[in-house]
Amino acid sequence: MIISDLPQPDRGGYLALQQIRQDFPALPVLILSLYTKEQHAFRALQSGASGYLGKDAAPDELLWAVRQILSGKKYIAIPKDN
């Protein structure tokens, strides 16, 4: 599993994610990002991420997300006020 940030999502972060997915199709990727707008999360999932979580998430939620993704599920969490 890769846990990665999505640096500058409008400038190549999604392309890098697509490349990881192309080179390693079975490898789950969790994006842990400062960008918590829904559009970033959905675009990351469309680009091949297995999950998306804000960097301000509680440690327990990060562990839950990892477990969900490793069990083959998708995980997305975005604060409601964004």
N, C-alpha and C. Protein backbone atom coordinates (compact mmCIF):
# COMPACT_ATOMS: atom_id res chain seq x y z
N MET A 1 0.83 -1.17 0.00
CA MET A 1 0.00 0.00 0.00
C MET A 1 0.88 1.24 0.00
N ILE A 2 0.44 2.23 -0.77
CA ILE A 2 1.10 3.54 -0.77
C ILE A 2 0.17 4.52 -0.06
N ILE A 3 0.74 5.29 0.85
CA ILE A 3 0.03 6.42 1.45
C ILE A 3 0.80 7.64 1.00
N SER A 4 0.12 8.51 0.27
CA SER A 4 0.81 9.62 -0.36
C SER A 4 -0.02 10.89 -0.29
N ASP A 5 0.67 12.01 -0.36
CA ASP A 5 0.02 13.29 -0.51
C ASP A 5 -0.32 13.47 -1.98
N LEU A 6 -1.14 14.44 -2.27
CA LEU A 6 -1.46 14.81 -3.64
C LEU A 6 -0.93 16.23 -3.83
N PRO A 7 0.39 16.34 -4.05
CA PRO A 7 0.96 17.69 -4.13
C PRO A 7 0.42 18.44 -5.34
N GLN A 8 0.00 19.63 -5.12
CA GLN A 8 -0.54 20.48 -6.17
C GLN A 8 -1.43 19.69 -7.12
N PRO A 9 -2.62 19.35 -6.69
CA PRO A 9 -3.46 18.45 -7.47
C PRO A 9 -3.74 18.92 -8.89
N ASP A 10 -3.66 20.21 -9.14
CA ASP A 10 -3.91 20.69 -10.49
C ASP A 10 -2.65 20.68 -11.35
N ARG A 11 -1.53 20.25 -10.77
CA ARG A 11 -0.27 20.29 -11.51
C ARG A 11 0.45 18.95 -11.50
N GLY A 12 -0.20 17.91 -11.85
CA GLY A 12 0.49 16.65 -12.04
C GLY A 12 0.28 15.59 -10.99
N GLY A 13 -0.33 15.93 -9.88
CA GLY A 13 -0.56 14.92 -8.86
C GLY A 13 -1.42 13.77 -9.35
N TYR A 14 -2.42 14.10 -10.15
CA TYR A 14 -3.30 13.07 -10.68
C TYR A 14 -2.58 12.23 -11.74
N LEU A 15 -1.70 12.87 -12.50
CA LEU A 15 -0.93 12.12 -13.49
C LEU A 15 0.00 11.12 -12.82
N ALA A 16 0.61 11.53 -11.72
CA ALA A 16 1.47 10.61 -10.97
C ALA A 16 0.66 9.44 -10.44
N LEU A 17 -0.53 9.72 -9.94
CA LEU A 17 -1.41 8.67 -9.44
C LEU A 17 -1.79 7.70 -10.56
N GLN A 18 -2.10 8.23 -11.73
CA GLN A 18 -2.43 7.37 -12.87
C GLN A 18 -1.24 6.51 -13.27
N GLN A 19 -0.04 7.06 -13.18
CA GLN A 19 1.17 6.29 -13.53
C GLN A 19 1.40 5.16 -12.53
N ILE A 20 1.21 5.45 -11.26
CA ILE A 20 1.34 4.40 -10.24
C ILE A 20 0.33 3.29 -10.53
N ARG A 21 -0.89 3.67 -10.82
CA ARG A 21 -1.94 2.68 -11.10
C ARG A 21 -1.61 1.86 -12.34
N GLN A 22 -1.00 2.50 -13.34
CA GLN A 22 -0.63 1.78 -14.57
C GLN A 22 0.51 0.80 -14.30
N ASP A 23 1.52 1.25 -13.55
CA ASP A 23 2.69 0.41 -13.29
C ASP A 23 2.43 -0.68 -12.25
N PHE A 24 1.57 -0.39 -11.29
CA PHE A 24 1.29 -1.32 -10.20
C PHE A 24 -0.22 -1.40 -9.97
N PRO A 25 -0.96 -2.03 -10.87
CA PRO A 25 -2.43 -2.00 -10.81
C PRO A 25 -3.05 -2.60 -9.55
N ALA A 26 -2.37 -3.51 -8.90
CA ALA A 26 -2.95 -4.14 -7.70
C ALA A 26 -2.57 -3.43 -6.41
N LEU A 27 -1.72 -2.42 -6.49
CA LEU A 27 -1.23 -1.74 -5.30
C LEU A 27 -2.23 -0.66 -4.86
N PRO A 28 -2.82 -0.80 -3.67
CA PRO A 28 -3.76 0.22 -3.19
C PRO A 28 -3.04 1.52 -2.86
N VAL A 29 -3.70 2.64 -3.14
CA VAL A 29 -3.13 3.96 -2.87
C VAL A 29 -4.14 4.77 -2.05
N LEU A 30 -3.70 5.24 -0.90
CA LEU A 30 -4.50 6.14 -0.07
C LEU A 30 -3.89 7.52 -0.17
N ILE A 31 -4.69 8.48 -0.58
CA ILE A 31 -4.25 9.87 -0.64
C ILE A 31 -4.58 10.53 0.69
N LEU A 32 -3.56 11.10 1.29
CA LEU A 32 -3.69 11.82 2.56
C LEU A 32 -3.30 13.27 2.24
N SER A 33 -4.28 14.16 2.20
CA SER A 33 -4.04 15.47 1.61
C SER A 33 -4.58 16.64 2.43
N LEU A 34 -3.97 17.79 2.22
CA LEU A 34 -4.49 19.04 2.77
C LEU A 34 -5.69 19.51 1.98
N TYR A 35 -5.80 19.07 0.74
CA TYR A 35 -6.90 19.47 -0.14
C TYR A 35 -8.13 18.64 0.20
N THR A 36 -9.11 19.26 0.84
CA THR A 36 -10.26 18.50 1.33
C THR A 36 -11.56 18.85 0.62
N LYS A 37 -11.48 19.44 -0.53
CA LYS A 37 -12.69 19.70 -1.32
C LYS A 37 -13.11 18.40 -1.99
N GLU A 38 -14.40 18.19 -2.11
CA GLU A 38 -14.93 16.96 -2.71
C GLU A 38 -14.36 16.72 -4.09
N GLN A 39 -14.18 17.77 -4.87
CA GLN A 39 -13.71 17.61 -6.24
C GLN A 39 -12.35 16.93 -6.29
N HIS A 40 -11.47 17.24 -5.32
CA HIS A 40 -10.15 16.61 -5.30
C HIS A 40 -10.27 15.13 -4.96
N ALA A 41 -11.11 14.81 -4.02
CA ALA A 41 -11.29 13.42 -3.62
C ALA A 41 -11.85 12.59 -4.76
N PHE A 42 -12.88 13.09 -5.41
CA PHE A 42 -13.49 12.32 -6.49
C PHE A 42 -12.55 12.18 -7.68
N ARG A 43 -11.80 13.23 -7.96
CA ARG A 43 -10.84 13.14 -9.07
C ARG A 43 -9.73 12.15 -8.74
N ALA A 44 -9.30 12.12 -7.49
CA ALA A 44 -8.28 11.15 -7.08
C ALA A 44 -8.79 9.72 -7.25
N LEU A 45 -10.03 9.49 -6.86
CA LEU A 45 -10.61 8.15 -7.03
C LEU A 45 -10.73 7.79 -8.51
N GLN A 46 -11.12 8.75 -9.32
CA GLN A 46 -11.21 8.50 -10.76
C GLN A 46 -9.84 8.23 -11.36
N SER A 47 -8.79 8.79 -10.77
CA SER A 47 -7.43 8.59 -11.26
C SER A 47 -6.79 7.33 -10.73
N GLY A 48 -7.50 6.61 -9.87
CA GLY A 48 -6.99 5.32 -9.42
C GLY A 48 -6.73 5.16 -7.94
N ALA A 49 -6.97 6.20 -7.14
CA ALA A 49 -6.77 6.06 -5.69
C ALA A 49 -7.80 5.10 -5.11
N SER A 50 -7.41 4.43 -4.07
CA SER A 50 -8.32 3.54 -3.35
C SER A 50 -9.04 4.27 -2.23
N GLY A 51 -8.47 5.40 -1.82
CA GLY A 51 -9.08 6.16 -0.75
C GLY A 51 -8.54 7.57 -0.69
N TYR A 52 -9.24 8.42 0.05
CA TYR A 52 -8.87 9.83 0.18
C TYR A 52 -9.25 10.30 1.57
N LEU A 53 -8.30 10.94 2.23
CA LEU A 53 -8.50 11.35 3.62
C LEU A 53 -7.77 12.66 3.84
N GLY A 54 -8.38 13.58 4.58
CA GLY A 54 -7.72 14.83 4.91
C GLY A 54 -6.60 14.61 5.93
N LYS A 55 -5.55 15.42 5.83
CA LYS A 55 -4.43 15.28 6.76
C LYS A 55 -4.81 15.59 8.20
N ASP A 56 -5.94 16.25 8.40
CA ASP A 56 -6.36 16.57 9.75
C ASP A 56 -7.20 15.45 10.38
N ALA A 57 -7.30 14.32 9.70
CA ALA A 57 -8.06 13.19 10.23
C ALA A 57 -7.41 12.65 11.50
N ALA A 58 -8.23 12.13 12.38
CA ALA A 58 -7.73 11.53 13.62
C ALA A 58 -6.95 10.25 13.29
N PRO A 59 -5.97 9.91 14.10
CA PRO A 59 -5.19 8.69 13.87
C PRO A 59 -6.07 7.44 13.73
N ASP A 60 -7.12 7.35 14.54
CA ASP A 60 -8.02 6.20 14.45
C ASP A 60 -8.69 6.11 13.09
N GLU A 61 -9.04 7.26 12.53
CA GLU A 61 -9.67 7.25 11.21
C GLU A 61 -8.68 6.83 10.13
N LEU A 62 -7.43 7.25 10.25
CA LEU A 62 -6.40 6.82 9.31
C LEU A 62 -6.24 5.30 9.35
N LEU A 63 -6.18 4.73 10.55
CA LEU A 63 -6.08 3.27 10.68
C LEU A 63 -7.29 2.58 10.08
N TRP A 64 -8.48 3.13 10.32
CA TRP A 64 -9.70 2.56 9.76
C TRP A 64 -9.65 2.59 8.22
N ALA A 65 -9.22 3.72 7.68
CA ALA A 65 -9.12 3.85 6.23
C ALA A 65 -8.16 2.81 5.66
N VAL A 66 -7.00 2.65 6.29
CA VAL A 66 -6.02 1.66 5.83
C VAL A 66 -6.62 0.26 5.86
N ARG A 67 -7.29 -0.08 6.94
CA ARG A 67 -7.91 -1.41 7.04
C ARG A 67 -8.97 -1.62 5.96
N GLN A 68 -9.79 -0.61 5.73
CA GLN A 68 -10.84 -0.72 4.70
C GLN A 68 -10.22 -0.94 3.32
N ILE A 69 -9.21 -0.16 3.02
CA ILE A 69 -8.58 -0.26 1.71
C ILE A 69 -7.86 -1.59 1.54
N LEU A 70 -7.16 -2.04 2.56
CA LEU A 70 -6.47 -3.33 2.47
C LEU A 70 -7.44 -4.51 2.37
N SER A 71 -8.68 -4.30 2.79
CA SER A 71 -9.69 -5.36 2.65
C SER A 71 -10.40 -5.29 1.29
N GLY A 72 -9.94 -4.37 0.42
CA GLY A 72 -10.48 -4.29 -0.92
C GLY A 72 -11.58 -3.26 -1.11
N LYS A 73 -11.87 -2.48 -0.09
CA LYS A 73 -12.92 -1.46 -0.18
C LYS A 73 -12.31 -0.10 -0.50
N LYS A 74 -13.16 0.83 -0.87
CA LYS A 74 -12.76 2.22 -1.07
C LYS A 74 -13.06 2.98 0.22
N TYR A 75 -12.33 4.07 0.44
CA TYR A 75 -12.59 4.89 1.62
C TYR A 75 -12.42 6.34 1.24
N ILE A 76 -13.39 7.15 1.59
CA ILE A 76 -13.31 8.58 1.33
C ILE A 76 -13.90 9.32 2.54
N ALA A 77 -13.16 10.32 3.00
CA ALA A 77 -13.63 11.14 4.12
C ALA A 77 -13.24 12.58 3.85
N ILE A 78 -14.25 13.43 3.80
CA ILE A 78 -14.03 14.86 3.58
C ILE A 78 -14.87 15.60 4.61
N PRO A 79 -14.31 16.60 5.26
CA PRO A 79 -15.11 17.38 6.21
C PRO A 79 -16.36 17.96 5.55
N LYS A 80 -17.46 17.97 6.26
CA LYS A 80 -18.74 18.42 5.72
C LYS A 80 -18.73 19.92 5.36
N ASP A 81 -17.91 20.73 6.03
CA ASP A 81 -17.96 22.17 5.82
C ASP A 81 -17.15 22.64 4.62
N ASN A 82 -16.61 21.75 3.83
CA ASN A 82 -15.82 22.16 2.67
C ASN A 82 -16.64 22.18 1.44
